[in-house]
Amino acid sequence: MIKNSQRQTGSAHVVIIIILVIAVLGLLGFVFWQNFLNKESLVNNSGDNTPTATPVESNDPYKGWKLYESNRDGYSIKYPSNWFLAAETEGDGPYIRNFDPENSSNGSRDGQYSGYPLGAKYLRVLVDKNENDKKNTSDMSTAEWYNALGTVDIQDMDPVKHLASEVKSLTVNGLEAKSAKAVFTETNEVIYLLDGADLYSIWLYPYGSSSDDEMKLILSSFKYL
């Protein structure tokens, strides 16, 4: 009887040991499995730790506009696609108008100048290259002429005259510039910019156009090439 009891006790111990071994192995397996999942997750996430950028809608005010570049005079400017371009010629700059000059005689006339349709706007770009160290229509150099603009009355050729009292400073696409009033066949606002010895003049019609929202955008697109 004692021997049978000992055998039963020994068998119970063996069963308990087996159960404990299975439990320990199960626990170790669970821990290993958890560590494996964590490592795999780290590997998968280590490739890109930066947040995905949310696409930003384009608010480009020049979307659909056209670009005019002058390799001869070294500048570019943008203008609305429904405006009309007459490219530069040998002795003149480009004309960019909000009306078709071929049909400008149709409809109501502009109050300031009867040759243009009502609401007419245009710009024209000219460059004085300071030939022979002088501005073409002046005894001064382009730099001297620009610096004098706004300090004294200037008249290079009749009837174009810039009164010092009518000249104001402004910026065009971050560039220092001066605005002057000019009366020729119509009253224009002329924006002058000096780049080295090159004097750029952007003629605007009507006078005061630099305050017009559409003209402001056009002027803000001007840059040197």
Protein backbone atom coordinates (compact mmCIF):
# COMPACT_ATOMS: atom_id res chain seq x y z
CA MET A 1 0.00 0.00 0.00
CA ILE A 2 2.82 2.37 0.79
CA LYS A 3 4.51 1.62 -2.48
CA ASN A 4 1.31 2.30 -4.40
CA SER A 5 0.87 5.59 -2.54
CA GLN A 6 4.45 6.60 -3.37
CA ARG A 7 3.93 5.74 -7.01
CA GLN A 8 0.77 7.89 -7.10
CA THR A 9 2.56 10.75 -5.38
CA GLY A 10 5.46 10.49 -7.84
CA SER A 11 3.08 10.46 -10.80
CA ALA A 12 1.33 13.55 -9.45
CA HIS A 13 4.66 15.34 -9.18
CA VAL A 14 5.53 14.41 -12.74
CA VAL A 15 2.18 15.73 -13.97
CA ILE A 16 2.64 18.96 -12.05
CA ILE A 17 6.15 19.38 -13.47
CA ILE A 18 4.88 18.74 -16.99
CA ILE A 19 2.11 21.29 -16.49
CA LEU A 20 4.60 23.83 -15.14
CA VAL A 21 6.97 23.22 -18.07
CA ILE A 22 4.11 23.65 -20.54
CA ALA A 23 3.03 26.84 -18.76
CA VAL A 24 6.58 28.24 -18.77
CA LEU A 25 7.00 27.35 -22.44
CA GLY A 26 3.65 28.95 -23.23
CA LEU A 27 4.61 32.10 -21.35
CA LEU A 28 7.98 32.26 -23.09
CA GLY A 29 6.28 31.77 -26.43
CA PHE A 30 3.80 34.53 -25.70
CA VAL A 31 6.60 36.91 -24.67
CA PHE A 32 8.59 36.02 -27.82
CA TRP A 33 5.51 36.55 -29.98
CA GLN A 34 4.86 39.97 -28.46
CA ASN A 35 8.48 41.03 -28.95
CA PHE A 36 8.37 39.82 -32.56
CA LEU A 37 5.25 41.89 -33.27
CA ASN A 38 6.78 45.00 -31.69
CA LYS A 39 10.01 44.62 -33.70
CA GLU A 40 8.05 44.12 -36.93
CA SER A 41 5.99 47.22 -36.16
CA LEU A 42 9.16 49.26 -35.54
CA VAL A 43 10.67 48.05 -38.81
CA ASN A 44 7.55 48.95 -40.74
CA ASN A 45 7.34 52.43 -39.20
CA SER A 46 11.05 53.28 -39.33
CA GLY A 47 10.96 54.04 -43.05
CA ASP A 48 8.94 57.24 -42.75
CA ASN A 49 8.67 59.23 -39.57
CA THR A 50 7.47 62.43 -41.24
CA PRO A 51 3.78 63.27 -41.37
CA THR A 52 2.14 63.09 -44.76
CA ALA A 53 1.68 66.59 -46.15
CA THR A 54 -1.87 67.59 -46.88
CA PRO A 55 -2.20 68.84 -50.44
CA VAL A 56 -2.68 72.62 -50.50
CA GLU A 57 -5.02 74.13 -53.03
CA SER A 58 -3.32 76.51 -55.43
CA ASN A 59 -4.32 80.17 -55.04
CA ASP A 60 -2.02 81.39 -57.82
CA PRO A 61 -3.44 84.76 -58.95
CA TYR A 62 -1.65 84.31 -62.29
CA LYS A 63 -3.30 81.00 -63.15
CA GLY A 64 -4.21 81.05 -66.85
CA TRP A 65 -2.22 84.26 -67.52
CA LYS A 66 0.29 84.64 -70.34
CA LEU A 67 4.00 85.43 -70.01
CA TYR A 68 5.87 87.93 -72.16
CA GLU A 69 9.67 87.77 -72.18
CA SER A 70 12.00 90.23 -73.86
CA ASN A 71 15.42 88.70 -74.37
CA ARG A 72 16.48 91.92 -76.07
CA ASP A 73 15.68 94.13 -73.09
CA GLY A 74 16.06 91.53 -70.33
CA TYR A 75 12.73 91.37 -68.53
CA SER A 76 9.51 89.38 -68.30
CA ILE A 77 5.96 90.34 -67.40
CA LYS A 78 2.65 88.50 -67.12
CA TYR A 79 -0.73 89.64 -68.39
CA PRO A 80 -4.32 88.30 -68.47
CA SER A 81 -5.06 85.79 -71.22
CA ASN A 82 -7.89 87.94 -72.61
CA TRP A 83 -5.60 90.94 -73.17
CA PHE A 84 -4.05 91.68 -76.57
CA LEU A 85 -0.30 91.75 -77.20
CA ALA A 86 1.59 93.68 -79.84
CA ALA A 87 5.16 92.45 -79.45
CA GLU A 88 8.19 94.72 -79.36
CA THR A 89 9.58 96.09 -82.61
CA GLU A 90 13.04 97.32 -83.49
CA GLY A 91 12.39 100.81 -82.18
CA ASP A 92 9.62 100.24 -79.67
CA GLY A 93 8.57 98.07 -76.76
CA PRO A 94 5.50 95.84 -76.58
CA TYR A 95 1.95 97.09 -76.11
CA ILE A 96 -0.31 94.99 -73.89
CA ARG A 97 -3.95 96.10 -74.02
CA ASN A 98 -7.26 94.98 -72.55
CA PHE A 99 -8.93 95.74 -75.90
CA ASP A 100 -8.41 94.67 -79.48
CA PRO A 101 -6.82 97.64 -81.29
CA GLU A 102 -8.17 96.33 -84.60
CA ASN A 103 -11.73 96.88 -83.37
CA SER A 104 -11.17 99.78 -80.97
CA SER A 105 -13.38 102.12 -82.97
CA ASN A 106 -16.50 100.14 -82.05
CA GLY A 107 -18.68 101.10 -79.08
CA SER A 108 -18.46 103.94 -76.56
CA ARG A 109 -15.36 106.09 -76.27
CA ASP A 110 -13.17 106.51 -73.23
CA GLY A 111 -13.75 109.87 -71.55
CA GLN A 112 -10.04 110.71 -71.34
CA TYR A 113 -9.08 109.89 -74.90
CA SER A 114 -11.58 109.44 -77.74
CA GLY A 115 -9.38 106.95 -79.60
CA TYR A 116 -9.87 104.21 -76.97
CA PRO A 117 -12.98 102.20 -76.06
CA LEU A 118 -14.67 102.79 -72.72
CA GLY A 119 -12.67 101.25 -69.85
CA ALA A 120 -9.50 100.92 -71.94
CA LYS A 121 -6.25 99.99 -70.19
CA TYR A 122 -2.82 99.31 -71.60
CA LEU A 123 0.83 99.14 -70.70
CA ARG A 124 3.97 99.58 -72.75
CA VAL A 125 7.55 98.78 -71.72
CA LEU A 126 10.58 100.76 -72.93
CA VAL A 127 14.25 100.52 -71.96
CA ASP A 128 16.88 103.23 -72.22
CA LYS A 129 20.31 101.62 -72.49
CA ASN A 130 22.28 104.74 -71.52
CA GLU A 131 23.96 105.00 -74.91
CA ASN A 132 27.18 107.05 -74.96
CA ASP A 133 26.85 107.39 -71.16
CA LYS A 134 23.75 109.54 -71.64
CA LYS A 135 20.01 109.01 -71.50
CA ASN A 136 18.71 109.17 -75.08
CA THR A 137 16.63 112.31 -74.55
CA SER A 138 18.77 114.00 -71.92
CA ASP A 139 22.23 115.39 -71.25
CA MET A 140 22.28 113.29 -68.07
CA SER A 141 23.13 109.62 -67.64
CA THR A 142 20.27 107.26 -66.88
CA ALA A 143 21.33 107.09 -63.21
CA GLU A 144 21.57 110.88 -62.94
CA TRP A 145 18.19 111.27 -64.62
CA TYR A 146 16.53 108.71 -62.33
CA ASN A 147 18.01 110.30 -59.20
CA ALA A 148 16.85 113.75 -60.31
CA LEU A 149 13.30 112.51 -60.93
CA GLY A 150 11.13 113.82 -58.13
CA THR A 151 13.62 116.41 -56.94
CA VAL A 152 13.38 118.79 -59.92
CA ASP A 153 10.98 119.28 -62.81
CA ILE A 154 12.21 117.32 -65.83
CA GLN A 155 11.33 117.87 -69.46
CA ASP A 156 13.34 115.86 -71.97
CA MET A 157 11.12 116.49 -74.97
CA ASP A 158 7.91 118.38 -75.48
CA PRO A 159 5.20 117.59 -74.42
CA VAL A 160 6.53 114.94 -71.99
CA LYS A 161 7.27 116.65 -68.70
CA HIS A 162 7.59 115.23 -65.18
CA LEU A 163 6.83 117.66 -62.38
CA ALA A 164 8.67 116.91 -59.14
CA SER A 165 5.42 117.41 -57.19
CA GLU A 166 3.75 114.60 -59.15
CA VAL A 167 6.48 111.97 -58.65
CA LYS A 168 6.06 109.32 -55.96
CA SER A 169 8.12 106.34 -54.82
CA LEU A 170 6.77 102.80 -54.95
CA THR A 171 7.94 99.22 -55.30
CA VAL A 172 7.37 96.88 -58.23
CA ASN A 173 7.74 93.22 -57.27
CA GLY A 174 10.14 94.27 -54.51
CA LEU A 175 12.11 96.61 -56.79
CA GLU A 176 12.55 100.30 -56.03
CA ALA A 177 10.65 102.42 -58.55
CA LYS A 178 9.25 105.89 -59.16
CA SER A 179 5.89 106.86 -60.61
CA ALA A 180 5.55 110.00 -62.73
CA LYS A 181 2.80 111.69 -64.71
CA ALA A 182 3.30 112.15 -68.46
CA VAL A 183 1.07 113.93 -70.95
CA PHE A 184 1.61 112.89 -74.54
CA THR A 185 -1.35 112.04 -76.79
CA GLU A 186 -3.07 110.98 -73.55
CA THR A 187 -2.27 111.21 -69.86
CA ASN A 188 -0.13 108.30 -68.74
CA GLU A 189 1.43 107.10 -65.52
CA VAL A 190 5.03 106.04 -66.13
CA ILE A 191 6.79 103.66 -63.75
CA TYR A 192 10.59 104.04 -63.85
CA LEU A 193 13.03 101.39 -62.62
CA LEU A 194 16.83 101.59 -62.77
CA ASP A 195 18.82 98.37 -63.20
CA GLY A 196 22.49 99.29 -63.33
CA ALA A 197 22.69 101.70 -66.27
CA ASP A 198 19.43 100.46 -67.85
CA LEU A 199 16.40 102.67 -67.25
CA TYR A 200 13.11 100.80 -67.63
CA SER A 201 9.90 102.74 -68.15
CA ILE A 202 6.49 101.05 -67.95
CA TRP A 203 3.85 103.31 -69.47
CA LEU A 204 0.37 102.80 -68.04
CA TYR A 205 -2.94 104.09 -69.32
CA PRO A 206 -4.99 105.64 -67.84
CA TYR A 207 -3.12 107.80 -65.38
CA GLY A 208 -3.31 106.33 -61.86
CA SER A 209 -3.38 102.74 -63.13
CA SER A 210 -0.78 101.62 -60.57
CA SER A 211 -3.66 101.65 -58.04
CA ASP A 212 -5.85 99.43 -60.25
CA ASP A 213 -6.04 95.86 -58.88
CA GLU A 214 -5.47 94.23 -62.26
CA MET A 215 -2.59 96.54 -63.13
CA LYS A 216 -1.08 95.92 -59.69
CA LEU A 217 -0.93 92.19 -60.46
CA ILE A 218 0.64 92.84 -63.83
CA LEU A 219 3.26 95.15 -62.33
CA SER A 220 3.95 92.66 -59.52
CA SER A 221 4.89 90.05 -62.12
CA PHE A 222 7.63 92.24 -63.65
CA LYS A 223 11.14 90.90 -63.16
CA TYR A 224 14.58 91.11 -64.75
CA LEU A 225 15.84 88.10 -66.68
